Amino acid sequence: MVGEAFADVRDVRRVYIYGSWAARHDGQPGALPNDVDVLVVGTPARAAVYEAADAAQDRLGLPVNPTMRSPRQWQDASDALVQQIKASPLVTIIDRDATD
């Protein structure tokens, strides 16, 4: 459902789910997630990302919280959020870099 919502957003290179939802998907024990954290890598229009998040939220019945990073920021080892996300479970939803 997240993939469908973000599939047509222009200038999106990658979409990942991270946070508690990704941790449960990875088999880590814990409470059921009460939201879905989504990382969007690319240079899409902010409004388009939030529209896609709203569409995914409507389908899932859970809040969808998008975070955006440019491809350069995603590669920046000094970005604390990027470090945290890369050190934790990630679920790849869209990876257009793998198909280019």
N, C-alpha and C. Protein backbone atom coordinates (compact mmCIF):
# COMPACT_ATOMS: atom_id res chain seq x y z
N MET A 1 0.80 -1.19 0.00
CA MET A 1 0.00 0.00 0.00
C MET A 1 0.85 1.26 0.00
N VAL A 2 1.96 1.23 0.73
CA VAL A 2 2.86 2.39 0.73
C VAL A 2 3.49 2.52 -0.65
N GLY A 3 3.90 1.41 -1.22
CA GLY A 3 4.50 1.44 -2.54
C GLY A 3 3.55 1.98 -3.60
N GLU A 4 2.30 1.57 -3.53
CA GLU A 4 1.31 2.07 -4.48
C GLU A 4 1.12 3.58 -4.33
N ALA A 5 1.09 4.04 -3.11
CA ALA A 5 0.86 5.47 -2.87
C ALA A 5 2.01 6.33 -3.38
N PHE A 6 3.24 5.81 -3.30
CA PHE A 6 4.41 6.60 -3.69
C PHE A 6 4.90 6.29 -5.10
N ALA A 7 4.33 5.30 -5.76
CA ALA A 7 4.82 4.84 -7.05
C ALA A 7 4.86 5.92 -8.13
N ASP A 8 3.89 6.81 -8.13
CA ASP A 8 3.82 7.81 -9.19
C ASP A 8 4.33 9.18 -8.79
N VAL A 9 4.96 9.28 -7.62
CA VAL A 9 5.51 10.57 -7.19
C VAL A 9 6.80 10.80 -7.98
N ARG A 10 6.84 11.91 -8.68
CA ARG A 10 8.01 12.23 -9.52
C ARG A 10 9.24 12.49 -8.66
N ASP A 11 10.38 12.11 -9.21
CA ASP A 11 11.69 12.37 -8.63
C ASP A 11 11.95 11.63 -7.32
N VAL A 12 11.25 10.52 -7.11
CA VAL A 12 11.54 9.65 -5.98
C VAL A 12 12.47 8.55 -6.46
N ARG A 13 13.60 8.39 -5.79
CA ARG A 13 14.56 7.35 -6.14
C ARG A 13 14.34 6.09 -5.30
N ARG A 14 14.09 6.31 -3.99
CA ARG A 14 13.91 5.19 -3.07
C ARG A 14 12.87 5.54 -2.03
N VAL A 15 12.19 4.51 -1.56
CA VAL A 15 11.26 4.65 -0.44
C VAL A 15 11.51 3.48 0.49
N TYR A 16 11.71 3.79 1.75
CA TYR A 16 11.93 2.78 2.78
C TYR A 16 10.93 2.97 3.91
N ILE A 17 10.59 1.89 4.57
CA ILE A 17 9.90 1.95 5.85
C ILE A 17 10.95 1.67 6.91
N TYR A 18 10.95 2.48 7.95
CA TYR A 18 11.90 2.29 9.05
C TYR A 18 11.13 2.42 10.36
N GLY A 19 11.83 2.40 11.45
CA GLY A 19 11.19 2.56 12.75
C GLY A 19 10.56 1.27 13.26
N SER A 20 9.55 1.43 14.11
CA SER A 20 8.97 0.26 14.79
C SER A 20 8.33 -0.72 13.82
N TRP A 21 7.70 -0.22 12.76
CA TRP A 21 7.08 -1.13 11.80
C TRP A 21 8.14 -2.01 11.14
N ALA A 22 9.25 -1.42 10.72
CA ALA A 22 10.33 -2.19 10.10
C ALA A 22 10.95 -3.16 11.10
N ALA A 23 11.07 -2.74 12.34
CA ALA A 23 11.62 -3.62 13.37
C ALA A 23 10.73 -4.85 13.59
N ARG A 24 9.41 -4.66 13.66
CA ARG A 24 8.50 -5.80 13.82
C ARG A 24 8.58 -6.70 12.59
N HIS A 25 8.65 -6.09 11.39
CA HIS A 25 8.77 -6.86 10.14
C HIS A 25 10.04 -7.70 10.15
N ASP A 26 11.09 -7.17 10.78
CA ASP A 26 12.38 -7.85 10.87
C ASP A 26 12.40 -8.92 11.96
N GLY A 27 11.30 -9.03 12.71
CA GLY A 27 11.22 -10.04 13.75
C GLY A 27 11.60 -9.58 15.13
N GLN A 28 11.89 -8.31 15.29
CA GLN A 28 12.23 -7.80 16.61
C GLN A 28 10.96 -7.70 17.45
N PRO A 29 11.02 -8.15 18.69
CA PRO A 29 9.84 -8.09 19.55
C PRO A 29 9.51 -6.66 19.95
N GLY A 30 8.26 -6.45 20.27
CA GLY A 30 7.84 -5.13 20.72
C GLY A 30 6.36 -4.94 20.48
N ALA A 31 5.89 -3.80 20.91
CA ALA A 31 4.48 -3.47 20.75
C ALA A 31 4.15 -3.29 19.28
N LEU A 32 2.88 -3.51 18.95
CA LEU A 32 2.44 -3.25 17.59
C LEU A 32 2.65 -1.78 17.26
N PRO A 33 3.14 -1.49 16.07
CA PRO A 33 3.36 -0.09 15.69
C PRO A 33 2.04 0.67 15.63
N ASN A 34 2.09 1.93 16.02
CA ASN A 34 0.89 2.76 15.90
C ASN A 34 1.04 3.80 14.81
N ASP A 35 2.14 3.68 14.02
CA ASP A 35 2.34 4.53 12.85
C ASP A 35 3.35 3.87 11.93
N VAL A 36 3.54 4.45 10.77
CA VAL A 36 4.50 3.93 9.80
C VAL A 36 5.43 5.09 9.42
N ASP A 37 6.72 4.90 9.67
CA ASP A 37 7.73 5.89 9.31
C ASP A 37 8.26 5.57 7.93
N VAL A 38 8.19 6.53 7.03
CA VAL A 38 8.59 6.33 5.64
C VAL A 38 9.69 7.33 5.29
N LEU A 39 10.78 6.81 4.76
CA LEU A 39 11.87 7.66 4.27
C LEU A 39 11.78 7.71 2.75
N VAL A 40 11.75 8.92 2.21
CA VAL A 40 11.71 9.14 0.78
C VAL A 40 13.05 9.76 0.37
N VAL A 41 13.77 9.08 -0.51
CA VAL A 41 15.05 9.58 -1.00
C VAL A 41 14.83 10.05 -2.43
N GLY A 42 15.18 11.28 -2.68
CA GLY A 42 15.01 11.86 -4.01
C GLY A 42 14.82 13.36 -3.88
N THR A 43 14.25 13.93 -4.93
CA THR A 43 14.01 15.38 -4.93
C THR A 43 12.56 15.68 -5.33
N PRO A 44 11.61 14.97 -4.75
CA PRO A 44 10.22 15.21 -5.11
C PRO A 44 9.69 16.49 -4.48
N ALA A 45 8.57 16.95 -4.99
CA ALA A 45 7.88 18.09 -4.38
C ALA A 45 7.34 17.64 -3.03
N ARG A 46 7.56 18.46 -2.03
CA ARG A 46 7.11 18.14 -0.67
C ARG A 46 5.60 17.86 -0.65
N ALA A 47 4.83 18.66 -1.36
CA ALA A 47 3.38 18.48 -1.37
C ALA A 47 3.00 17.11 -1.91
N ALA A 48 3.70 16.63 -2.94
CA ALA A 48 3.41 15.33 -3.52
C ALA A 48 3.72 14.20 -2.53
N VAL A 49 4.78 14.37 -1.77
CA VAL A 49 5.14 13.36 -0.75
C VAL A 49 4.06 13.29 0.31
N TYR A 50 3.60 14.44 0.77
CA TYR A 50 2.57 14.44 1.81
C TYR A 50 1.22 13.94 1.28
N GLU A 51 0.92 14.19 0.03
CA GLU A 51 -0.30 13.63 -0.57
C GLU A 51 -0.21 12.10 -0.62
N ALA A 52 0.95 11.58 -1.00
CA ALA A 52 1.14 10.13 -1.05
C ALA A 52 1.05 9.53 0.35
N ALA A 53 1.63 10.21 1.33
CA ALA A 53 1.56 9.74 2.71
C ALA A 53 0.11 9.71 3.19
N ASP A 54 -0.64 10.73 2.85
CA ASP A 54 -2.07 10.76 3.23
C ASP A 54 -2.84 9.61 2.57
N ALA A 55 -2.53 9.34 1.31
CA ALA A 55 -3.20 8.23 0.61
C ALA A 55 -2.86 6.90 1.27
N ALA A 56 -1.59 6.70 1.62
CA ALA A 56 -1.18 5.47 2.28
C ALA A 56 -1.84 5.36 3.65
N GLN A 57 -1.91 6.46 4.34
CA GLN A 57 -2.54 6.49 5.66
C GLN A 57 -4.01 6.08 5.57
N ASP A 58 -4.71 6.59 4.56
CA ASP A 58 -6.12 6.24 4.37
C ASP A 58 -6.29 4.75 4.13
N ARG A 59 -5.36 4.15 3.39
CA ARG A 59 -5.44 2.72 3.08
C ARG A 59 -5.07 1.85 4.27
N LEU A 60 -4.06 2.30 5.03
CA LEU A 60 -3.56 1.48 6.14
C LEU A 60 -4.34 1.67 7.44
N GLY A 61 -4.94 2.83 7.59
CA GLY A 61 -5.61 3.13 8.85
C GLY A 61 -4.63 3.46 9.96
N LEU A 62 -3.40 3.78 9.60
CA LEU A 62 -2.36 4.19 10.54
C LEU A 62 -1.73 5.48 10.04
N PRO A 63 -1.28 6.35 10.94
CA PRO A 63 -0.57 7.53 10.49
C PRO A 63 0.70 7.14 9.72
N VAL A 64 0.96 7.83 8.62
CA VAL A 64 2.17 7.62 7.82
C VAL A 64 2.97 8.90 7.90
N ASN A 65 4.18 8.77 8.45
CA ASN A 65 5.04 9.93 8.70
C ASN A 65 6.20 9.95 7.71
N PRO A 66 6.14 10.79 6.69
CA PRO A 66 7.23 10.82 5.72
C PRO A 66 8.39 11.70 6.18
N THR A 67 9.58 11.25 5.86
CA THR A 67 10.81 12.02 6.05
C THR A 67 11.49 12.04 4.69
N MET A 68 12.01 13.19 4.31
CA MET A 68 12.64 13.31 3.00
C MET A 68 14.15 13.56 3.15
N ARG A 69 14.91 12.94 2.27
CA ARG A 69 16.33 13.20 2.16
C ARG A 69 16.68 13.17 0.67
N SER A 70 17.54 14.08 0.25
CA SER A 70 18.04 14.06 -1.12
C SER A 70 19.02 12.90 -1.25
N PRO A 71 19.33 12.47 -2.46
CA PRO A 71 20.32 11.41 -2.62
C PRO A 71 21.66 11.76 -1.95
N ARG A 72 22.04 13.02 -2.03
CA ARG A 72 23.30 13.45 -1.39
C ARG A 72 23.21 13.31 0.12
N GLN A 73 22.09 13.75 0.69
CA GLN A 73 21.91 13.63 2.13
C GLN A 73 21.89 12.16 2.56
N TRP A 74 21.30 11.29 1.75
CA TRP A 74 21.23 9.87 2.08
C TRP A 74 22.63 9.26 2.14
N GLN A 75 23.56 9.81 1.38
CA GLN A 75 24.94 9.32 1.38
C GLN A 75 25.82 10.02 2.43
N ASP A 76 25.30 11.05 3.07
CA ASP A 76 26.07 11.86 4.02
C ASP A 76 26.19 11.15 5.36
N ALA A 77 27.37 10.67 5.65
CA ALA A 77 27.60 9.93 6.89
C ALA A 77 27.49 10.81 8.14
N SER A 78 27.49 12.12 7.97
CA SER A 78 27.40 12.99 9.14
C SER A 78 25.96 13.34 9.51
N ASP A 79 24.99 12.94 8.70
CA ASP A 79 23.59 13.20 8.99
C ASP A 79 23.13 12.21 10.07
N ALA A 80 22.81 12.72 11.25
CA ALA A 80 22.48 11.86 12.39
C ALA A 80 21.26 10.99 12.12
N LEU A 81 20.24 11.53 11.49
CA LEU A 81 19.05 10.73 11.21
C LEU A 81 19.37 9.62 10.21
N VAL A 82 20.14 9.94 9.19
CA VAL A 82 20.53 8.93 8.21
C VAL A 82 21.32 7.81 8.90
N GLN A 83 22.23 8.18 9.79
CA GLN A 83 23.01 7.18 10.53
C GLN A 83 22.08 6.27 11.32
N GLN A 84 21.12 6.87 12.01
CA GLN A 84 20.19 6.10 12.82
C GLN A 84 19.34 5.17 11.96
N ILE A 85 18.84 5.68 10.85
CA ILE A 85 18.00 4.86 9.97
C ILE A 85 18.80 3.71 9.37
N LYS A 86 20.01 3.98 8.91
CA LYS A 86 20.82 2.93 8.30
C LYS A 86 21.26 1.87 9.30
N ALA A 87 21.33 2.22 10.58
CA ALA A 87 21.74 1.27 11.60
C ALA A 87 20.59 0.40 12.10
N SER A 88 19.39 0.69 11.65
CA SER A 88 18.19 -0.01 12.11
C SER A 88 17.56 -0.77 10.94
N PRO A 89 16.60 -1.64 11.25
CA PRO A 89 15.94 -2.37 10.16
C PRO A 89 15.27 -1.42 9.16
N LEU A 90 15.38 -1.76 7.89
CA LEU A 90 14.77 -1.02 6.79
C LEU A 90 14.00 -1.99 5.92
N VAL A 91 12.86 -1.57 5.46
CA VAL A 91 12.11 -2.35 4.48
C VAL A 91 12.08 -1.52 3.20
N THR A 92 12.70 -2.05 2.15
CA THR A 92 12.73 -1.35 0.87
C THR A 92 11.38 -1.50 0.18
N ILE A 93 10.79 -0.37 -0.16
CA ILE A 93 9.50 -0.35 -0.85
C ILE A 93 9.70 -0.03 -2.33
N ILE A 94 10.52 0.98 -2.60
CA ILE A 94 10.85 1.37 -3.97
C ILE A 94 12.35 1.58 -4.03
N ASP A 95 12.99 1.01 -5.06
CA ASP A 95 14.42 1.27 -5.29
C ASP A 95 14.63 1.41 -6.79
N ARG A 96 14.46 2.62 -7.27
CA ARG A 96 14.64 2.87 -8.70
C ARG A 96 16.11 2.90 -9.08
N ASP A 97 17.00 3.08 -8.12
CA ASP A 97 18.43 3.06 -8.42
C ASP A 97 18.89 1.66 -8.81
N ALA A 98 18.20 0.65 -8.30
CA ALA A 98 18.57 -0.74 -8.62
C ALA A 98 18.15 -1.12 -10.03
N THR A 99 17.20 -0.38 -10.60
CA THR A 99 16.70 -0.73 -11.93
C THR A 99 17.24 0.18 -13.03
N ASP A 100 17.97 1.21 -12.66
CA ASP A 100 18.50 2.15 -13.68
C ASP A 100 19.79 1.65 -14.27
